[in-house]
Amino acid sequence: MPCAQPRPTAFRLPLRADQFRIEEHRNVHCRHYGGCVDEAVREDWDSFTCAKCPLFNQDKAPGADSYAFNQPADPGRP
């Protein structure tokens, strides 16, 4: 079975852009995001969406556990 490929599609911004949330239409944490931006530029799209891409939900935003590490409490501090 072939691997899924990124598939961005052209996207028209809603008329009320103040109610527009980019996270609903793009996955900026996707490993292919940069390539999709490049494709949108080459195709001269005003905007693009990842919603129809098979990889849309593959890469998630890193949580605090990706950055934080367990430290013992400092007994000298209140």
Protein backbone atom coordinates (compact mmCIF):
# COMPACT_ATOMS: atom_id res chain seq x y z
CA MET A 1 0.00 0.00 0.00
CA PRO A 2 1.51 3.38 -0.97
CA CYS A 3 2.20 5.98 1.69
CA ALA A 4 -0.18 8.90 2.00
CA GLN A 5 1.10 12.12 0.43
CA PRO A 6 0.36 15.67 1.56
CA ARG A 7 -2.52 17.20 -0.37
CA PRO A 8 -3.17 20.91 0.29
CA THR A 9 -6.12 22.52 -1.48
CA ALA A 10 -6.95 26.13 -2.29
CA PHE A 11 -9.03 27.87 0.37
CA ARG A 12 -11.14 31.02 0.22
CA LEU A 13 -11.08 32.99 3.44
CA PRO A 14 -14.47 33.52 5.06
CA LEU A 15 -16.01 36.97 4.78
CA ARG A 16 -15.81 37.42 8.54
CA ALA A 17 -12.11 36.76 8.95
CA ASP A 18 -12.24 37.88 12.60
CA GLN A 19 -14.04 34.60 13.35
CA PHE A 20 -11.53 32.54 11.36
CA ARG A 21 -9.23 30.19 13.28
CA ILE A 22 -6.27 28.85 11.32
CA GLU A 23 -6.06 25.73 13.52
CA GLU A 24 -9.39 24.54 12.12
CA HIS A 25 -8.03 24.42 8.57
CA ARG A 26 -4.28 23.88 8.85
CA ASN A 27 -1.92 21.72 10.86
CA VAL A 28 1.10 23.98 11.31
CA HIS A 29 2.85 21.20 13.24
CA CYS A 30 2.77 18.79 10.29
CA ARG A 31 6.19 17.74 9.02
CA HIS A 32 5.01 18.53 5.47
CA TYR A 33 3.63 22.01 6.23
CA GLY A 34 6.55 23.86 4.62
CA GLY A 35 6.14 21.91 1.39
CA CYS A 36 2.43 22.70 1.33
CA VAL A 37 3.16 26.40 1.81
CA ASP A 38 5.59 26.17 -1.12
CA GLU A 39 2.92 24.51 -3.29
CA ALA A 40 0.35 27.19 -2.37
CA VAL A 41 2.85 29.88 -3.41
CA ARG A 42 3.66 28.11 -6.70
CA GLU A 43 -0.05 27.76 -7.46
CA ASP A 44 -0.64 31.44 -6.48
CA TRP A 45 -3.38 30.55 -3.99
CA ASP A 46 -4.58 33.30 -1.64
CA SER A 47 -4.76 30.68 1.10
CA PHE A 48 -4.85 26.92 1.50
CA THR A 49 -6.36 24.29 3.76
CA CYS A 50 -5.13 20.95 5.05
CA ALA A 51 -8.65 19.74 5.89
CA LYS A 52 -8.86 17.31 2.93
CA CYS A 53 -5.31 16.02 3.39
CA PRO A 54 -4.97 12.42 4.62
CA LEU A 55 -2.14 13.60 6.90
CA PHE A 56 -4.15 16.42 8.54
CA ASN A 57 -4.35 14.75 11.96
CA GLN A 58 -1.04 12.89 11.83
CA ASP A 59 1.26 15.36 13.63
CA LYS A 60 -0.09 17.07 16.74
CA ALA A 61 1.04 20.17 18.57
CA PRO A 62 3.73 19.36 21.11
CA GLY A 63 2.50 19.34 24.69
CA ALA A 64 4.29 20.60 27.76
CA ASP A 65 5.73 17.13 28.35
CA SER A 66 7.76 17.55 25.16
CA TYR A 67 9.60 20.48 26.71
CA ALA A 68 9.40 19.98 30.43
CA PHE A 69 11.31 17.42 32.39
CA ASN A 70 10.80 15.99 35.82
CA GLN A 71 12.78 17.71 38.53
CA PRO A 72 12.79 16.94 42.20
CA ALA A 73 11.21 19.67 44.32
CA ASP A 74 13.63 22.13 45.89
CA PRO A 75 13.10 21.71 49.67
CA GLY A 76 14.81 25.05 50.33
CA ARG A 77 12.07 27.02 48.57
CA PRO A 78 8.64 27.77 49.97
